[in-house]
Amino acid sequence: MDRLPRITEILKVEPFKVTCRWTTGEIRVVDFEELMTRWQVDKSAVEAPLRNYETFRFVSVGEGRTLQWVNVPVRHRAFDETGRASETESPLAFDPDVLYAESVSLEEFRLARISTKAAA
């Protein structure tokens, strides 16, 4: 059975882009500026703090081998079998399958940047 791609390390963090090495051996770029625009992240969204580079740059690889921000806590409410609620807090993290699907290989990313500059 094939294993799902997961992040092994962060190679570079630049304004709203993270370059990662994946368990597939690939180096891929996740462009969060583009994603947040497409996902229509507004000021009230849990992801909104990532629009500030001083917050964004503290990205790390979490236990789930995905990108997380420990400086952006997210509250979760859970209910036990009796219906009693409890709250926990965890770092903001994204599904690694989504990040992999939304990322592009480093080569594709470089080519896209070159063609954009040439068109200007």
C-alpha atoms as a PDB file:
ATOM      1  CA  MET A   1       0.000   0.000   0.000  1.00  0.00           C
ATOM      2  CA  ASP A   2       1.338   3.444  -0.928  1.00  0.00           C
ATOM      3  CA  ARG A   3       1.903   5.826   1.923  1.00  0.00           C
ATOM      4  CA  LEU A   4       0.372   9.258   1.786  1.00  0.00           C
ATOM      5  CA  PRO A   5       2.847  12.128   1.298  1.00  0.00           C
ATOM      6  CA  ARG A   6       3.831  13.939   4.475  1.00  0.00           C
ATOM      7  CA  ILE A   7       6.235  16.791   5.163  1.00  0.00           C
ATOM      8  CA  THR A   8       9.675  15.824   6.437  1.00  0.00           C
ATOM      9  CA  GLU A   9      11.230  19.287   6.682  1.00  0.00           C
ATOM     10  CA  ILE A  10      10.803  22.942   5.885  1.00  0.00           C
ATOM     11  CA  LEU A  11      13.528  24.175   3.560  1.00  0.00           C
ATOM     12  CA  LYS A  12      12.530  27.818   3.173  1.00  0.00           C
ATOM     13  CA  VAL A  13       9.983  30.266   4.533  1.00  0.00           C
ATOM     14  CA  GLU A  14       9.371  33.473   2.636  1.00  0.00           C
ATOM     15  CA  PRO A  15       6.412  35.840   2.710  1.00  0.00           C
ATOM     16  CA  PHE A  16       3.410  33.524   2.585  1.00  0.00           C
ATOM     17  CA  LYS A  17       5.216  30.671   0.832  1.00  0.00           C
ATOM     18  CA  VAL A  18       6.717  27.557   2.403  1.00  0.00           C
ATOM     19  CA  THR A  19       9.108  25.247   0.560  1.00  0.00           C
ATOM     20  CA  CYS A  20       9.010  21.713   1.977  1.00  0.00           C
ATOM     21  CA  ARG A  21      10.611  18.333   1.441  1.00  0.00           C
ATOM     22  CA  TRP A  22       8.008  15.555   1.350  1.00  0.00           C
ATOM     23  CA  THR A  23       8.227  11.847   2.168  1.00  0.00           C
ATOM     24  CA  THR A  24       8.047  11.245  -1.601  1.00  0.00           C
ATOM     25  CA  GLY A  25      11.450  12.931  -1.908  1.00  0.00           C
ATOM     26  CA  GLU A  26       9.874  15.864  -3.740  1.00  0.00           C
ATOM     27  CA  ILE A  27      10.513  19.494  -2.919  1.00  0.00           C
ATOM     28  CA  ARG A  28       7.259  21.425  -3.243  1.00  0.00           C
ATOM     29  CA  VAL A  29       6.107  25.002  -2.592  1.00  0.00           C
ATOM     30  CA  VAL A  30       2.872  25.868  -0.796  1.00  0.00           C
ATOM     31  CA  ASP A  31       1.701  29.381  -1.705  1.00  0.00           C
ATOM     32  CA  PHE A  32      -0.534  30.448   1.179  1.00  0.00           C
ATOM     33  CA  GLU A  33      -1.199  33.884  -0.273  1.00  0.00           C
ATOM     34  CA  GLU A  34      -2.891  32.233  -3.252  1.00  0.00           C
ATOM     35  CA  LEU A  35      -4.663  29.671  -1.057  1.00  0.00           C
ATOM     36  CA  MET A  36      -6.052  32.238   1.372  1.00  0.00           C
ATOM     37  CA  THR A  37      -7.368  34.283  -1.547  1.00  0.00           C
ATOM     38  CA  ARG A  38      -9.006  31.249  -3.152  1.00  0.00           C
ATOM     39  CA  TRP A  39     -10.372  30.059   0.202  1.00  0.00           C
ATOM     40  CA  GLN A  40     -11.705  33.594   0.845  1.00  0.00           C
ATOM     41  CA  VAL A  41     -10.093  33.850   4.273  1.00  0.00           C
ATOM     42  CA  ASP A  42     -11.534  36.940   5.939  1.00  0.00           C
ATOM     43  CA  LYS A  43     -10.566  38.758   9.142  1.00  0.00           C
ATOM     44  CA  SER A  44     -12.754  36.514  11.301  1.00  0.00           C
ATOM     45  CA  ALA A  45     -11.323  33.225   9.977  1.00  0.00           C
ATOM     46  CA  VAL A  46      -9.068  31.092  12.138  1.00  0.00           C
ATOM     47  CA  GLU A  47      -6.415  31.364   9.390  1.00  0.00           C
ATOM     48  CA  ALA A  48      -6.546  35.194   9.324  1.00  0.00           C
ATOM     49  CA  PRO A  49      -3.473  35.710  11.569  1.00  0.00           C
ATOM     50  CA  LEU A  50      -1.363  34.051   8.852  1.00  0.00           C
ATOM     51  CA  ARG A  51      -1.862  37.114   6.651  1.00  0.00           C
ATOM     52  CA  ASN A  52       0.690  38.821   8.941  1.00  0.00           C
ATOM     53  CA  TYR A  53       4.208  37.689   7.998  1.00  0.00           C
ATOM     54  CA  GLU A  54       5.461  38.145  11.576  1.00  0.00           C
ATOM     55  CA  THR A  55       2.997  35.403  12.551  1.00  0.00           C
ATOM     56  CA  PHE A  56       3.341  33.335   9.364  1.00  0.00           C
ATOM     57  CA  ARG A  57       7.120  32.955   9.595  1.00  0.00           C
ATOM     58  CA  PHE A  58       6.872  30.834  12.759  1.00  0.00           C
ATOM     59  CA  VAL A  59       5.642  27.795  10.809  1.00  0.00           C
ATOM     60  CA  SER A  60       6.946  24.387  11.879  1.00  0.00           C
ATOM     61  CA  VAL A  61       6.408  20.714  11.111  1.00  0.00           C
ATOM     62  CA  GLY A  62       4.006  19.170  13.620  1.00  0.00           C
ATOM     63  CA  GLU A  63       3.568  15.631  14.909  1.00  0.00           C
ATOM     64  CA  GLY A  64       1.216  14.848  12.020  1.00  0.00           C
ATOM     65  CA  ARG A  65       4.051  15.757   9.642  1.00  0.00           C
ATOM     66  CA  THR A  66       2.192  18.760   8.360  1.00  0.00           C
ATOM     67  CA  LEU A  67       2.594  22.516   8.669  1.00  0.00           C
ATOM     68  CA  GLN A  68       1.520  24.065  11.932  1.00  0.00           C
ATOM     69  CA  TRP A  69       1.661  27.414  13.690  1.00  0.00           C
ATOM     70  CA  VAL A  70       2.079  27.075  17.455  1.00  0.00           C
ATOM     71  CA  ASN A  71       1.622  30.848  17.742  1.00  0.00           C
ATOM     72  CA  VAL A  72      -1.942  30.545  16.366  1.00  0.00           C
ATOM     73  CA  PRO A  73      -3.886  28.499  18.918  1.00  0.00           C
ATOM     74  CA  VAL A  74      -7.182  26.933  17.875  1.00  0.00           C
ATOM     75  CA  ARG A  75      -9.844  25.950  20.426  1.00  0.00           C
ATOM     76  CA  HIS A  76     -11.707  22.675  20.010  1.00  0.00           C
ATOM     77  CA  ARG A  77     -14.801  21.575  21.880  1.00  0.00           C
ATOM     78  CA  ALA A  78     -15.336  17.862  22.458  1.00  0.00           C
ATOM     79  CA  PHE A  79     -18.172  15.998  24.114  1.00  0.00           C
ATOM     80  CA  ASP A  80     -17.834  12.788  26.095  1.00  0.00           C
ATOM     81  CA  GLU A  81     -20.392   9.962  26.151  1.00  0.00           C
ATOM     82  CA  THR A  82     -22.395  11.732  28.875  1.00  0.00           C
ATOM     83  CA  GLY A  83     -22.629  14.904  26.802  1.00  0.00           C
ATOM     84  CA  ARG A  84     -20.209  16.815  29.005  1.00  0.00           C
ATOM     85  CA  ALA A  85     -18.212  19.360  26.995  1.00  0.00           C
ATOM     86  CA  SER A  86     -14.522  20.039  27.341  1.00  0.00           C
ATOM     87  CA  GLU A  87     -12.261  22.412  25.471  1.00  0.00           C
ATOM     88  CA  THR A  88      -8.749  21.831  24.253  1.00  0.00           C
ATOM     89  CA  GLU A  89      -6.316  23.984  22.362  1.00  0.00           C
ATOM     90  CA  SER A  90      -3.923  23.009  19.597  1.00  0.00           C
ATOM     91  CA  PRO A  91      -1.768  24.803  17.028  1.00  0.00           C
ATOM     92  CA  LEU A  92      -3.334  25.826  13.739  1.00  0.00           C
ATOM     93  CA  ALA A  93      -2.478  23.041  11.273  1.00  0.00           C
ATOM     94  CA  PHE A  94      -3.541  22.073   7.778  1.00  0.00           C
ATOM     95  CA  ASP A  95      -4.393  18.653   6.387  1.00  0.00           C
ATOM     96  CA  PRO A  96      -1.188  17.383   4.729  1.00  0.00           C
ATOM     97  CA  ASP A  97      -3.195  15.811   1.888  1.00  0.00           C
ATOM     98  CA  VAL A  98      -4.658  19.222   1.059  1.00  0.00           C
ATOM     99  CA  LEU A  99      -1.248  20.897   1.276  1.00  0.00           C
ATOM    100  CA  TYR A 100       0.283  18.303  -1.031  1.00  0.00           C
ATOM    101  CA  ALA A 101      -2.535  18.661  -3.569  1.00  0.00           C
ATOM    102  CA  GLU A 102      -2.353  22.466  -3.446  1.00  0.00           C
ATOM    103  CA  SER A 103       1.443  22.671  -3.646  1.00  0.00           C
ATOM    104  CA  VAL A 104       3.566  22.718  -6.785  1.00  0.00           C
ATOM    105  CA  SER A 105       6.959  21.201  -7.424  1.00  0.00           C
ATOM    106  CA  LEU A 106       9.873  23.579  -6.988  1.00  0.00           C
ATOM    107  CA  GLU A 107      10.621  23.336 -10.724  1.00  0.00           C
ATOM    108  CA  GLU A 108       7.044  24.285 -11.672  1.00  0.00           C
ATOM    109  CA  PHE A 109       7.109  27.135  -9.159  1.00  0.00           C
ATOM    110  CA  ARG A 110      10.352  28.530 -10.608  1.00  0.00           C
ATOM    111  CA  LEU A 111       9.030  28.272 -14.170  1.00  0.00           C
ATOM    112  CA  ALA A 112       5.809  30.045 -13.202  1.00  0.00           C
ATOM    113  CA  ARG A 113       7.785  32.884 -11.588  1.00  0.00           C
ATOM    114  CA  ILE A 114      10.052  33.242 -14.642  1.00  0.00           C
ATOM    115  CA  SER A 115       7.115  33.336 -17.080  1.00  0.00           C
ATOM    116  CA  THR A 116       5.303  35.893 -14.893  1.00  0.00           C
ATOM    117  CA  LYS A 117       8.372  38.152 -14.834  1.00  0.00           C
ATOM    118  CA  ALA A 118       8.863  37.778 -18.606  1.00  0.00           C
ATOM    119  CA  ALA A 119       5.256  38.829 -19.249  1.00  0.00           C
ATOM    120  CA  ALA A 120       5.680  42.017 -17.203  1.00  0.00           C
END
